[in-house]
Amino acid sequence: MPEALTYRRLIAKVSLTRCCNFHLVPKKVEVFAIGCAKCRLLEVATATAIEELGMDTEVTKLQDTEEMRNRGVMHQPALFIDGKLKSSGRVPSVEEIKRFLMEQEGEPKVEEKKNDRG
């Protein structure tokens, strides 16, 4: 149990140190969604995550199947952040989408930071 508490504190610390910089680093968020129930859920979860983080970012909904194939998307829905595929074929949780949005170029992921401390 103490490990879980440490992990939660680490996530809170990372969130606090980056929240003030979100407005400076606009993210390009794209949801590939044709219209199924999972597609709509991903749209809502992504919008919720952006709103909870206080980011001023628009979500672009793409429905072009040719563009999906060109980007290598095999399953819908798919979430791209800054041109990188983050999720495909499932609906990540709001917390997971927040982690995707907080990741910045060249920085280790939260899980990697946890291992460095331990």
N, C-alpha and C. Protein backbone atom coordinates (compact mmCIF):
# COMPACT_ATOMS: atom_id res chain seq x y z
N MET A 1 0.81 -1.21 0.00
CA MET A 1 0.00 0.00 0.00
C MET A 1 0.85 1.28 0.00
N PRO A 2 1.96 1.35 0.74
CA PRO A 2 2.76 2.57 0.70
C PRO A 2 3.27 2.89 -0.70
N GLU A 3 3.53 1.86 -1.53
CA GLU A 3 3.99 2.11 -2.89
C GLU A 3 2.92 2.84 -3.71
N ALA A 4 1.65 2.46 -3.52
CA ALA A 4 0.55 3.12 -4.23
C ALA A 4 0.45 4.58 -3.80
N LEU A 5 0.63 4.84 -2.52
CA LEU A 5 0.57 6.23 -2.05
C LEU A 5 1.71 7.05 -2.64
N THR A 6 2.90 6.47 -2.71
CA THR A 6 4.04 7.16 -3.30
C THR A 6 3.76 7.47 -4.77
N TYR A 7 3.20 6.51 -5.48
CA TYR A 7 2.87 6.70 -6.88
C TYR A 7 1.87 7.84 -7.05
N ARG A 8 0.84 7.87 -6.19
CA ARG A 8 -0.16 8.94 -6.27
C ARG A 8 0.48 10.30 -6.01
N ARG A 9 1.36 10.37 -5.03
CA ARG A 9 2.04 11.64 -4.75
C ARG A 9 2.87 12.08 -5.94
N LEU A 10 3.53 11.12 -6.58
CA LEU A 10 4.35 11.44 -7.74
C LEU A 10 3.50 12.00 -8.87
N ILE A 11 2.37 11.38 -9.13
CA ILE A 11 1.47 11.89 -10.17
C ILE A 11 0.99 13.29 -9.82
N ALA A 12 0.64 13.52 -8.56
CA ALA A 12 0.20 14.84 -8.14
C ALA A 12 1.31 15.87 -8.33
N LYS A 13 2.54 15.49 -7.99
CA LYS A 13 3.67 16.41 -8.13
C LYS A 13 3.91 16.75 -9.61
N VAL A 14 3.87 15.75 -10.47
CA VAL A 14 4.06 15.99 -11.90
C VAL A 14 2.95 16.87 -12.42
N SER A 15 1.72 16.62 -11.99
CA SER A 15 0.58 17.43 -12.44
C SER A 15 0.74 18.88 -12.02
N LEU A 16 1.16 19.11 -10.78
CA LEU A 16 1.30 20.47 -10.29
C LEU A 16 2.42 21.23 -10.98
N THR A 17 3.52 20.54 -11.28
CA THR A 17 4.64 21.24 -11.90
C THR A 17 4.37 21.59 -13.36
N ARG A 18 3.47 20.87 -14.00
CA ARG A 18 3.21 21.13 -15.41
C ARG A 18 1.95 21.91 -15.68
N CYS A 19 1.03 21.97 -14.73
CA CYS A 19 -0.27 22.58 -15.02
C CYS A 19 -0.16 24.03 -15.43
N CYS A 20 0.82 24.74 -14.91
CA CYS A 20 0.96 26.15 -15.24
C CYS A 20 1.51 26.36 -16.64
N ASN A 21 2.11 25.34 -17.25
CA ASN A 21 2.71 25.48 -18.56
C ASN A 21 1.82 25.00 -19.70
N PHE A 22 0.65 24.45 -19.39
CA PHE A 22 -0.20 23.90 -20.44
C PHE A 22 -0.63 24.96 -21.45
N HIS A 23 -0.92 26.16 -20.96
CA HIS A 23 -1.38 27.18 -21.89
C HIS A 23 -0.27 27.64 -22.82
N LEU A 24 0.99 27.38 -22.46
CA LEU A 24 2.11 27.77 -23.30
C LEU A 24 2.42 26.75 -24.39
N VAL A 25 2.04 25.50 -24.17
CA VAL A 25 2.36 24.44 -25.10
C VAL A 25 1.06 23.87 -25.67
N PRO A 26 0.59 24.42 -26.79
CA PRO A 26 -0.65 23.89 -27.36
C PRO A 26 -0.43 22.48 -27.89
N LYS A 27 -1.38 21.63 -27.67
CA LYS A 27 -1.33 20.25 -28.13
C LYS A 27 -2.30 20.10 -29.29
N LYS A 28 -1.90 19.30 -30.25
CA LYS A 28 -2.80 18.97 -31.35
C LYS A 28 -3.43 17.62 -31.02
N VAL A 29 -4.72 17.62 -30.76
CA VAL A 29 -5.43 16.42 -30.35
C VAL A 29 -6.41 16.03 -31.45
N GLU A 30 -6.28 14.79 -31.93
CA GLU A 30 -7.14 14.29 -32.99
C GLU A 30 -7.77 12.97 -32.56
N VAL A 31 -9.06 12.88 -32.78
CA VAL A 31 -9.79 11.64 -32.50
C VAL A 31 -10.29 11.10 -33.83
N PHE A 32 -9.85 9.90 -34.18
CA PHE A 32 -10.37 9.21 -35.37
C PHE A 32 -11.59 8.43 -34.92
N ALA A 33 -12.75 8.86 -35.37
CA ALA A 33 -14.00 8.25 -34.91
C ALA A 33 -15.02 8.27 -36.05
N ILE A 34 -15.55 7.10 -36.36
CA ILE A 34 -16.53 7.00 -37.43
C ILE A 34 -17.95 7.24 -36.90
N GLY A 35 -18.21 6.90 -35.66
CA GLY A 35 -19.54 7.15 -35.13
C GLY A 35 -20.08 6.07 -34.21
N CYS A 36 -19.25 5.08 -33.89
CA CYS A 36 -19.71 4.00 -33.00
C CYS A 36 -19.78 4.51 -31.55
N ALA A 37 -20.31 3.70 -30.67
CA ALA A 37 -20.46 4.10 -29.27
C ALA A 37 -19.10 4.37 -28.62
N LYS A 38 -18.11 3.51 -28.90
CA LYS A 38 -16.77 3.73 -28.33
C LYS A 38 -16.16 5.02 -28.85
N CYS A 39 -16.46 5.36 -30.09
CA CYS A 39 -15.95 6.60 -30.68
C CYS A 39 -16.49 7.81 -29.93
N ARG A 40 -17.77 7.78 -29.64
CA ARG A 40 -18.38 8.89 -28.91
C ARG A 40 -17.84 8.97 -27.48
N LEU A 41 -17.60 7.81 -26.86
CA LEU A 41 -17.04 7.79 -25.51
C LEU A 41 -15.63 8.39 -25.49
N LEU A 42 -14.84 8.08 -26.51
CA LEU A 42 -13.48 8.64 -26.57
C LEU A 42 -13.53 10.15 -26.73
N GLU A 43 -14.44 10.64 -27.54
CA GLU A 43 -14.59 12.09 -27.71
C GLU A 43 -14.91 12.77 -26.38
N VAL A 44 -15.85 12.20 -25.65
CA VAL A 44 -16.26 12.77 -24.36
C VAL A 44 -15.13 12.68 -23.34
N ALA A 45 -14.46 11.53 -23.27
CA ALA A 45 -13.37 11.36 -22.31
C ALA A 45 -12.21 12.32 -22.60
N THR A 46 -11.90 12.51 -23.87
CA THR A 46 -10.83 13.43 -24.25
C THR A 46 -11.19 14.87 -23.89
N ALA A 47 -12.41 15.27 -24.20
CA ALA A 47 -12.85 16.63 -23.86
C ALA A 47 -12.85 16.83 -22.34
N THR A 48 -13.25 15.82 -21.59
CA THR A 48 -13.26 15.90 -20.13
C THR A 48 -11.85 16.07 -19.59
N ALA A 49 -10.91 15.29 -20.10
CA ALA A 49 -9.52 15.37 -19.65
C ALA A 49 -8.93 16.75 -19.92
N ILE A 50 -9.19 17.28 -21.10
CA ILE A 50 -8.68 18.61 -21.46
C ILE A 50 -9.28 19.67 -20.56
N GLU A 51 -10.56 19.56 -20.30
CA GLU A 51 -11.24 20.52 -19.43
C GLU A 51 -10.71 20.45 -18.00
N GLU A 52 -10.52 19.24 -17.47
CA GLU A 52 -10.03 19.08 -16.10
C GLU A 52 -8.61 19.60 -15.94
N LEU A 53 -7.80 19.52 -17.00
CA LEU A 53 -6.44 20.04 -16.94
C LEU A 53 -6.38 21.54 -17.18
N GLY A 54 -7.48 22.11 -17.62
CA GLY A 54 -7.53 23.54 -17.88
C GLY A 54 -6.78 23.95 -19.13
N MET A 55 -6.67 23.03 -20.08
CA MET A 55 -5.96 23.33 -21.32
C MET A 55 -6.90 24.02 -22.31
N ASP A 56 -6.32 24.87 -23.12
CA ASP A 56 -7.07 25.55 -24.16
C ASP A 56 -6.74 24.88 -25.49
N THR A 57 -7.27 23.68 -25.67
CA THR A 57 -6.97 22.87 -26.85
C THR A 57 -8.26 22.36 -27.46
N GLU A 58 -8.34 22.43 -28.76
CA GLU A 58 -9.50 21.88 -29.46
C GLU A 58 -9.24 20.45 -29.86
N VAL A 59 -10.29 19.65 -29.84
CA VAL A 59 -10.22 18.27 -30.29
C VAL A 59 -10.74 18.22 -31.72
N THR A 60 -9.93 17.70 -32.62
CA THR A 60 -10.32 17.56 -34.02
C THR A 60 -10.85 16.14 -34.23
N LYS A 61 -12.06 16.04 -34.74
CA LYS A 61 -12.65 14.73 -35.03
C LYS A 61 -12.45 14.44 -36.51
N LEU A 62 -11.77 13.33 -36.78
CA LEU A 62 -11.51 12.93 -38.15
C LEU A 62 -12.29 11.67 -38.47
N GLN A 63 -12.91 11.65 -39.65
CA GLN A 63 -13.72 10.50 -40.06
C GLN A 63 -13.28 9.93 -41.40
N ASP A 64 -12.15 10.36 -41.91
CA ASP A 64 -11.65 9.93 -43.21
C ASP A 64 -10.94 8.58 -43.06
N THR A 65 -11.54 7.52 -43.61
CA THR A 65 -10.96 6.19 -43.48
C THR A 65 -9.64 6.07 -44.23
N GLU A 66 -9.48 6.78 -45.31
CA GLU A 66 -8.22 6.75 -46.05
C GLU A 66 -7.09 7.35 -45.21
N GLU A 67 -7.37 8.44 -44.55
CA GLU A 67 -6.37 9.07 -43.66
C GLU A 67 -6.01 8.13 -42.51
N MET A 68 -7.00 7.40 -41.98
CA MET A 68 -6.74 6.43 -40.92
C MET A 68 -5.77 5.37 -41.40
N ARG A 69 -6.01 4.84 -42.58
CA ARG A 69 -5.12 3.81 -43.14
C ARG A 69 -3.72 4.36 -43.36
N ASN A 70 -3.64 5.59 -43.86
CA ASN A 70 -2.34 6.20 -44.10
C ASN A 70 -1.53 6.36 -42.81
N ARG A 71 -2.21 6.57 -41.71
CA ARG A 71 -1.53 6.73 -40.42
C ARG A 71 -1.34 5.40 -39.68
N GLY A 72 -1.81 4.32 -40.27
CA GLY A 72 -1.60 3.02 -39.65
C GLY A 72 -2.61 2.63 -38.60
N VAL A 73 -3.75 3.28 -38.57
CA VAL A 73 -4.79 2.95 -37.61
C VAL A 73 -5.58 1.75 -38.11
N MET A 74 -5.57 0.69 -37.34
CA MET A 74 -6.29 -0.52 -37.74
C MET A 74 -7.62 -0.69 -36.99
N HIS A 75 -7.72 -0.07 -35.82
CA HIS A 75 -8.91 -0.21 -35.00
C HIS A 75 -9.39 1.16 -34.55
N GLN A 76 -10.71 1.29 -34.47
CA GLN A 76 -11.30 2.55 -34.02
C GLN A 76 -11.85 2.36 -32.62
N PRO A 77 -11.95 3.39 -31.85
CA PRO A 77 -11.48 4.75 -32.10
C PRO A 77 -9.97 4.84 -31.88
N ALA A 78 -9.40 5.92 -32.36
CA ALA A 78 -7.96 6.15 -32.18
C ALA A 78 -7.73 7.58 -31.72
N LEU A 79 -6.74 7.73 -30.85
CA LEU A 79 -6.40 9.05 -30.30
C LEU A 79 -4.97 9.39 -30.67
N PHE A 80 -4.80 10.53 -31.34
CA PHE A 80 -3.48 11.05 -31.68
C PHE A 80 -3.26 12.34 -30.90
N ILE A 81 -2.09 12.47 -30.30
CA ILE A 81 -1.72 13.71 -29.63
C ILE A 81 -0.38 14.14 -30.21
N ASP A 82 -0.36 15.34 -30.75
CA ASP A 82 0.82 15.87 -31.44
C ASP A 82 1.32 14.92 -32.51
N GLY A 83 0.40 14.31 -33.24
CA GLY A 83 0.75 13.44 -34.36
C GLY A 83 1.19 12.04 -33.98
N LYS A 84 1.17 11.70 -32.69
CA LYS A 84 1.59 10.37 -32.25
C LYS A 84 0.38 9.57 -31.78
N LEU A 85 0.29 8.32 -32.22
CA LEU A 85 -0.80 7.45 -31.82
C LEU A 85 -0.65 7.08 -30.36
N LYS A 86 -1.64 7.40 -29.55
CA LYS A 86 -1.61 7.10 -28.12
C LYS A 86 -2.53 5.96 -27.75
N SER A 87 -3.61 5.78 -28.50
CA SER A 87 -4.58 4.73 -28.19
C SER A 87 -5.32 4.35 -29.46
N SER A 88 -5.60 3.04 -29.59
CA SER A 88 -6.33 2.58 -30.75
C SER A 88 -7.16 1.35 -30.38
N GLY A 89 -8.43 1.35 -30.77
CA GLY A 89 -9.29 0.20 -30.55
C GLY A 89 -9.90 0.10 -29.17
N ARG A 90 -9.68 1.09 -28.34
CA ARG A 90 -10.25 1.09 -26.98
C ARG A 90 -10.45 2.52 -26.52
N VAL A 91 -11.14 2.66 -25.40
CA VAL A 91 -11.37 3.99 -24.83
C VAL A 91 -10.54 4.09 -23.55
N PRO A 92 -9.45 4.85 -23.57
CA PRO A 92 -8.66 5.01 -22.35
C PRO A 92 -9.44 5.83 -21.33
N SER A 93 -9.10 5.64 -20.06
CA SER A 93 -9.77 6.40 -19.01
C SER A 93 -9.38 7.88 -19.11
N VAL A 94 -10.14 8.72 -18.44
CA VAL A 94 -9.85 10.15 -18.41
C VAL A 94 -8.46 10.37 -17.81
N GLU A 95 -8.13 9.63 -16.76
CA GLU A 95 -6.82 9.77 -16.12
C GLU A 95 -5.69 9.38 -17.08
N GLU A 96 -5.90 8.34 -17.85
CA GLU A 96 -4.89 7.92 -18.82
C GLU A 96 -4.71 8.98 -19.91
N ILE A 97 -5.80 9.57 -20.36
CA ILE A 97 -5.71 10.63 -21.37
C ILE A 97 -4.98 11.83 -20.79
N LYS A 98 -5.22 12.13 -19.53
CA LYS A 98 -4.49 13.23 -18.88
C LYS A 98 -2.98 12.96 -18.90
N ARG A 99 -2.60 11.71 -18.61
CA ARG A 99 -1.17 11.36 -18.65
C ARG A 99 -0.61 11.54 -20.06
N PHE A 100 -1.38 11.14 -21.07
CA PHE A 100 -0.94 11.33 -22.45
C PHE A 100 -0.70 12.81 -22.73
N LEU A 101 -1.61 13.66 -22.25
CA LEU A 101 -1.51 15.09 -22.50
C LEU A 101 -0.35 15.73 -21.74
N MET A 102 -0.01 15.18 -20.57
CA MET A 102 1.07 15.75 -19.76
C MET A 102 2.46 15.35 -20.26
N GLU A 103 2.55 14.27 -21.01
CA GLU A 103 3.84 13.85 -21.53
C GLU A 103 4.36 14.91 -22.48
N GLN A 104 5.62 15.24 -22.32
CA GLN A 104 6.24 16.21 -23.21
C GLN A 104 7.44 15.58 -23.87
N GLU A 105 7.84 16.13 -25.00
CA GLU A 105 8.96 15.60 -25.76
C GLU A 105 10.21 15.52 -24.89
N GLY A 106 10.89 14.38 -24.96
CA GLY A 106 12.17 14.22 -24.29
C GLY A 106 12.09 13.92 -22.81
N GLU A 107 10.91 13.93 -22.22
CA GLU A 107 10.78 13.65 -20.80
C GLU A 107 10.34 12.22 -20.60
N PRO A 108 10.87 11.57 -19.55
CA PRO A 108 10.42 10.20 -19.28
C PRO A 108 8.98 10.18 -18.82
N LYS A 109 8.33 9.06 -19.04
CA LYS A 109 6.96 8.91 -18.59
C LYS A 109 6.93 8.82 -17.07
N VAL A 110 5.74 9.00 -16.50
CA VAL A 110 5.57 8.98 -15.05
C VAL A 110 6.08 7.67 -14.47
N GLU A 111 5.78 6.54 -15.12
CA GLU A 111 6.20 5.24 -14.60
C GLU A 111 7.72 5.14 -14.54
N GLU A 112 8.41 5.72 -15.54
CA GLU A 112 9.87 5.68 -15.55
C GLU A 112 10.43 6.54 -14.43
N LYS A 113 9.81 7.68 -14.13
CA LYS A 113 10.26 8.51 -13.04
C LYS A 113 10.11 7.77 -11.71
N LYS A 114 9.03 7.03 -11.56
CA LYS A 114 8.80 6.27 -10.35
C LYS A 114 9.92 5.26 -10.13
N ASN A 115 10.34 4.58 -11.18
CA ASN A 115 11.40 3.59 -11.06
C ASN A 115 12.74 4.24 -10.74
N ASP A 116 12.98 5.45 -11.22
CA ASP A 116 14.24 6.14 -10.93
C ASP A 116 14.36 6.46 -9.44
N ARG A 117 13.25 6.75 -8.79
CA ARG A 117 13.28 7.10 -7.37
C ARG A 117 13.43 5.88 -6.48
N GLY A 118 12.87 4.75 -6.95
CA GLY A 118 12.76 3.58 -6.10
C GLY A 118 13.96 2.76 -6.11
